Amino acid sequence: MKTLMIYGATGYTGRMAAEHARAAGTPLILAGRSKAKLETLAAQLGVEYRVFALDDTTVIDHALRDVGVLLNCAGPFACTADVLMRAAIRNGVHYLDVAAELDGYRLAEQLDTEAKTAGVMLLPGSGGSVAMLGCLVAHAVARASHPAHISVAMSVSGGLSRGSAISAMGSVTTETLARVDGKLASVPAGSTRKLDFGKGAVDCFQVTLPDLITLWRSTNVPNIETFVHVSSGGFPQGDLSALPDGPNEEERLANRYQAVVEVTQSNGENIRSVLDTVNGYTFTATAAAEAGRRVLGGEVRPGFQTPAALFGKGFAETIADTTIVQS
């Protein structure tokens, strides 16, 4: 039987995804570069592991020999997505990841035709904001007759993982983009907007999220802006490499995430929906493991896909304690 391989399985998100996949009974292989860490986790979960780096295509191809789905949890994804997407296409393996970095989605766009020819699906963002916001926006767009503009924001509560902080810092230093008349375009850095996640309007900062690509693919709405509200002390300062792996279970339980979307129709009417869910790290790991299980079970469309378009707008609400309500 083909299996789900999680690369980066001993990292913060990878470990949680592996635990969820194992609990669901998904055939599983752990993978990464650290033999000692993989050996320990594999023994705890009672599954196979494979050790390989990403600098030798022959070694990678051998490691993927009986794999049906590859879930990449090894960030920064700027260092891993290109190699593993191309390896997946080369070996007929469906590719998933949990990336929040725009370049990986641009790469999936570039490789779309090649992946379709190979019968391989590319599903970056199988967990995290892309799955979360994609389903939220789909709920609102379904109620709109002529959607013309999407403003979507995520409220991030609690501490960031070391990997997320490092990746986010890379994103913060790049230009701020929005989707304008169907094209990605630069917008003034530092723009803010007040949005209401359900407890009153708060300041949200405009940022470049991969949803600028995935929402365009799934909705065809030509104008899209993405925002983030960060509470609980804001973005960490100092040496990011010194941060802990990520929030512990108690911290995750204490800090839920929310998201809001406003869809403006061509007549000026606004349609709003609000999402409330568990901590983002819990959601990401759970959603990615569930996506891997479903893809391994045959829910596949070749080429670059998005979670909301592939699994339907109700996908996020099947993950942990997630609700979407009209507002």
Foldseek 3Di string as FASTA:
>chain_A
DAAEEEEVCLFDLNVLLVVLLLVVVGQYEYEYADPVSRVVSCVVSVHHYDHDDQPDLVSVLVVCQRHAEYEYADDPVVVPLVSVVVSCLVNVHAYEYQYFAQVSLVVLVVCQVSQQVSVYEYEYNLFFPLLVVLLQVVVQLVVAPAFAAKEKEKEAEFDFFLRVLVSVVVQLPDFFWWQAQQDIDGDDAFDWDWDDQPPGTDIWGWGDTNCNVQVCVQRVRRTYTYTYHYDDVPRDDDDSVPGHRGDDPVRQQVTKMKMKMWTAGPVGDIWMKMKTGTHRSLRRSNSSSVVSRVVVVPQDDTGYHYNCNSVHSCSSPVGHNMDMDTD
